Protein backbone atom coordinates (compact mmCIF):
# COMPACT_ATOMS: atom_id res chain seq x y z
CA MET A 1 73.68 165.03 103.44
CA THR A 2 76.80 163.37 104.91
CA LYS A 3 77.18 159.65 105.54
CA SER A 4 77.23 160.25 109.28
CA VAL A 5 73.82 161.93 109.09
CA TYR A 6 72.42 159.00 107.04
CA ARG A 7 73.80 156.58 109.62
CA LEU A 8 72.16 158.58 112.40
CA ILE A 9 68.75 158.61 110.64
CA PHE A 10 69.05 154.88 109.86
CA PHE A 11 69.94 154.14 113.50
CA ILE A 12 67.01 156.21 114.83
CA GLY A 13 64.67 154.43 112.39
CA ILE A 14 65.78 151.02 113.61
CA LEU A 15 65.54 152.11 117.24
CA CYS A 16 62.17 153.89 117.17
CA PHE A 17 59.86 152.21 114.73
CA PRO A 18 60.05 148.63 116.03
CA ILE A 19 59.75 149.81 119.64
CA GLU A 20 56.72 151.94 118.80
CA GLY A 21 55.10 148.95 117.09
CA ILE A 22 55.76 146.69 120.05
CA LEU A 23 54.39 149.23 122.52
CA SER A 24 51.20 149.74 120.56
CA GLN A 25 50.63 146.00 120.12
CA SER A 26 51.64 144.79 123.58
CA ARG A 27 51.12 147.84 125.74
CA PHE A 28 49.00 145.86 128.21
CA GLY A 29 50.58 142.46 127.58
CA THR A 30 48.77 139.42 126.20
CA GLU A 31 45.02 139.50 125.65
CA LEU A 32 43.36 136.87 127.84
CA ASN A 33 40.42 135.05 126.27
CA ASN A 34 37.15 134.01 127.90
CA THR A 35 38.40 130.55 128.80
CA ILE A 36 40.54 132.32 131.41
CA ILE A 37 38.39 135.36 132.31
CA SER A 38 34.60 135.25 131.84
CA ALA A 39 31.48 137.01 133.12
CA LEU A 40 29.28 135.03 135.51
CA SER A 41 26.34 137.44 135.42
CA SER A 42 25.96 137.57 131.62
CA ARG A 43 25.37 134.87 129.04
CA ASN A 44 27.14 136.96 126.38
CA ASN A 45 30.15 138.08 128.44
CA ILE A 46 28.84 141.64 128.87
CA LEU A 47 29.00 143.91 131.93
CA TYR A 48 26.22 146.31 132.89
CA ARG A 49 26.44 149.67 134.59
CA GLY A 50 24.50 149.91 137.83
CA ILE A 51 24.29 146.23 138.77
CA ASP A 52 26.57 143.71 140.46
CA ASN A 53 28.83 142.15 137.83
CA TYR A 54 30.76 139.01 138.71
CA ILE A 55 33.73 137.71 136.72
CA GLN A 56 35.34 134.32 137.10
CA ILE A 57 39.08 133.69 136.84
CA SER A 58 40.14 130.22 135.75
CA PRO A 59 41.45 128.37 138.86
CA GLN A 60 44.21 126.82 136.73
CA PHE A 61 45.34 130.29 135.68
CA GLN A 62 45.23 131.70 139.20
CA SER A 63 46.96 128.72 140.83
CA LYS A 64 50.21 129.49 138.99
CA TYR A 65 50.79 132.53 141.22
CA ASP A 66 50.93 133.29 144.92
CA SER A 67 48.32 136.00 144.39
CA LEU A 68 46.83 138.24 141.71
CA ILE A 69 46.45 141.99 141.37
CA VAL A 70 43.67 143.27 139.11
CA ARG A 71 43.26 146.85 137.95
CA CYS A 72 40.59 148.43 135.76
CA ASN A 73 40.22 151.66 133.80
CA ASN A 74 36.46 152.09 134.28
CA GLY A 75 34.91 152.03 137.74
CA SER A 76 36.13 149.67 140.44
CA VAL A 77 37.12 146.04 140.80
CA MET A 78 37.71 143.85 143.85
CA PHE A 79 37.93 140.19 144.74
CA GLU A 80 34.59 138.76 145.90
CA LYS A 81 36.32 135.48 146.71
CA GLU A 82 39.42 133.63 145.59
CA ASN A 83 38.67 133.33 141.87
CA VAL A 84 35.67 135.66 141.50
CA LEU A 85 35.86 139.40 140.83
CA PHE A 86 33.22 142.01 141.59
CA VAL A 87 33.22 144.79 138.96
CA MET A 88 31.24 148.05 138.98
CA PRO A 89 31.79 150.02 135.75
CA SER A 90 31.12 153.76 136.01
CA ARG A 91 30.52 154.52 132.33
CA LEU A 92 29.23 152.84 129.21
CA GLY A 93 31.55 151.59 126.49
CA LYS A 94 34.31 149.23 127.53
CA VAL A 95 36.25 148.29 130.62
CA ARG A 96 39.79 146.97 130.51
CA LEU A 97 40.95 144.65 133.28
CA MET A 98 44.71 144.26 133.71
CA PHE A 99 46.13 141.26 135.58
CA TYR A 100 49.38 140.94 137.48
CA GLY A 101 50.73 137.83 139.17
CA ILE A 102 52.85 137.84 142.32
CA THR A 103 55.29 134.98 142.79
CA ASP A 104 58.48 134.86 144.86
CA ASN A 105 58.01 138.57 145.63
CA ASP A 106 58.09 139.42 141.92
CA THR A 107 55.18 141.13 140.14
CA ILE A 108 54.61 139.93 136.59
CA SER A 109 52.31 141.53 134.03
CA LEU A 110 50.05 138.70 132.84
CA GLY A 111 47.84 140.45 130.33
CA TYR A 112 44.47 142.08 129.96
CA THR A 113 40.92 141.56 128.79
CA TYR A 114 38.14 143.86 127.61
CA PHE A 115 34.45 143.69 128.44
CA GLU A 116 31.70 145.66 126.75
CA VAL A 117 29.68 147.79 129.20
CA LYS A 118 26.00 148.38 128.50
CA ALA A 119 23.10 150.04 130.24
CA VAL A 120 20.56 147.79 131.91
CA PRO A 121 17.60 147.50 129.51
CA GLU A 122 14.38 149.17 130.55
CA PRO A 123 11.89 146.66 131.94
CA CYS A 124 8.97 145.70 129.79
CA LEU A 125 5.69 144.03 130.61
CA THR A 126 5.08 140.41 129.70
CA ILE A 127 1.79 138.65 129.18
CA ASP A 128 2.36 134.93 129.66
CA ASN A 129 6.11 135.48 129.12
CA THR A 130 5.59 137.39 125.85
CA PRO A 131 7.18 140.88 126.08
CA ILE A 132 4.96 143.79 125.06
CA THR A 133 5.55 147.53 124.85
CA THR A 134 3.36 150.47 125.66
CA ASN A 135 1.17 151.80 122.82
CA CYS A 136 0.81 148.38 121.26
CA ALA A 137 -2.15 146.47 119.82
CA LEU A 138 -3.25 142.96 120.79
CA PRO A 139 -6.02 140.68 119.55
CA ARG A 140 -8.80 140.14 122.07
CA ARG A 141 -8.12 136.39 122.23
CA VAL A 142 -4.65 137.01 123.69
CA LEU A 143 -6.15 138.82 126.70
CA GLN A 144 -9.04 136.36 126.97
CA ASN A 145 -6.69 133.37 127.13
CA CYS A 146 -3.82 134.90 129.12
CA ASP A 147 -2.93 133.81 132.61
CA SER A 148 -0.64 136.37 134.27
CA LEU A 149 1.66 139.39 133.98
CA GLY A 150 5.39 139.54 134.50
CA ILE A 151 8.36 141.89 134.05
CA TYR A 152 11.17 141.22 131.60
CA PHE A 153 14.62 142.83 131.45
CA SER A 154 16.97 140.74 129.34
CA LYS A 155 17.75 137.13 128.51
CA ASP A 156 21.43 138.01 128.79
CA ILE A 157 21.48 139.09 132.45
CA ILE A 158 21.39 135.97 134.59
CA GLY A 159 18.90 136.30 137.44
CA SER A 160 17.18 139.43 136.08
CA GLU A 161 13.88 137.54 135.98
CA ASN A 162 13.83 137.86 139.77
CA TRP A 163 14.52 141.60 139.99
CA LEU A 164 10.92 142.75 139.83
CA LYS A 165 7.86 140.68 140.70
CA VAL A 166 4.32 141.71 139.74
CA THR A 167 2.10 141.59 142.83
CA GLY A 168 -0.99 143.03 141.14
CA PHE A 169 -2.05 145.54 138.53
CA ILE A 170 -4.57 148.29 137.85
CA ILE A 171 -6.57 148.18 134.66
CA VAL A 172 -7.93 151.49 133.34
CA TYR A 173 -10.61 151.68 130.64
CA ASN A 174 -13.38 153.95 129.36
CA TYR A 175 -16.97 153.05 130.13
CA GLY A 176 -19.87 155.29 129.08
CA GLY A 177 -17.56 158.24 128.56
CA PHE A 178 -15.94 157.90 132.01
CA ASN A 179 -12.49 156.56 132.89
CA VAL A 180 -12.88 153.59 135.21
CA SER A 181 -10.15 151.66 137.05
CA TYR A 182 -10.15 148.19 138.54
CA ASN A 183 -7.54 146.78 140.90
CA ASN A 184 -6.52 143.21 140.06
CA PRO A 185 -5.16 141.82 143.36
CA SER A 186 -2.39 139.58 141.96
CA LYS A 187 -0.34 138.99 138.82
CA VAL A 188 -2.95 136.47 137.68
CA PHE A 189 -5.86 137.82 135.65
CA SER A 190 -8.95 137.47 137.85
CA LYS A 191 -12.33 136.37 136.58
CA ALA A 192 -13.64 139.92 137.07
CA THR A 193 -10.76 141.37 135.02
CA LYS A 194 -11.47 138.98 132.15
CA GLN A 195 -15.16 139.91 132.23
CA ILE A 196 -14.19 143.58 131.91
CA LEU A 197 -11.92 142.81 128.95
CA ASN A 198 -14.67 140.80 127.25
CA HIS A 199 -17.01 143.82 127.33
CA ILE A 200 -14.55 146.33 125.88
CA GLY A 201 -15.38 147.09 122.25
CA PRO A 202 -13.01 146.62 119.30
CA ASN A 203 -10.28 149.20 118.67
CA ARG A 204 -10.66 150.53 122.20
CA GLU A 205 -7.72 151.28 124.45
CA ILE A 206 -7.02 149.98 127.95
CA GLY A 207 -4.23 150.90 130.34
CA ILE A 208 -2.38 148.44 132.58
CA LEU A 209 -0.28 149.74 135.47
CA PRO A 210 1.78 146.94 137.06
CA ILE A 211 2.29 146.95 140.83
CA VAL A 212 5.72 145.49 141.52
CA GLU A 213 8.10 144.62 144.33
CA GLY A 214 11.84 144.84 143.81
CA GLU A 215 14.56 142.44 144.85
CA GLY A 216 16.55 144.03 147.65
CA SER A 217 16.70 147.81 147.19
CA LEU A 218 15.84 147.70 143.49
CA THR A 219 13.16 150.23 142.58
CA LYS A 220 11.89 151.01 139.12
CA LYS A 221 9.02 153.29 138.12
CA LEU A 222 6.97 151.60 135.44
CA PRO A 223 4.73 153.34 132.90
CA ILE A 224 1.10 152.69 132.17
CA TYR A 225 1.08 150.21 129.32
CA ARG A 226 -1.52 151.35 126.79
CA ILE A 227 -2.95 148.51 124.72
CA THR A 228 -5.43 148.76 121.89
CA ILE A 229 -7.71 145.72 121.65
CA TYR A 230 -8.80 144.57 118.22
């Protein structure tokens, strides 16, 4: 191999490898941390598919530029107000938000940030704020001493405790070989409901079907929660 060929290979190596490294490491600019960009609707800086996600931009960061442009690679993003973004991811996984600043008619790439995208957890029933699942077992004293039912989604999603409100529930049980149902008129266990529970034998199953109202247009079909009393 001639010296000129070696020089050519050496030159290509210098030219290509550093540039490739720089592109892979800084393809989207500087990564912006959660002191600059943070989720308002999640305590753990997570976005959820199918709900309204709000993201706050640090006013100090935004004030350096005449305006900002934000782009995302998963779903849609728009400004809700000056320093708050509204993001609707279309798929689970991650969403990358890329930020550009406009100043003196110049557009500058400012950096990017990633958010994890999760599905909204399925709602579960709560008895006195204790989450339970269907096909579970509870001691009789829990039902005898309980006050009311509720619906729980996630501690992480701020405001999710208001999505569904229990307005009543139907209790289904077996009496003398027949399935019997009783309509409890509110989320609070009535005196009649507690009397029914007191007369159900050990290791017998009851069903609770919550009747709920959703916030806004939120609708969610809930299962019958089957509970074995012991």
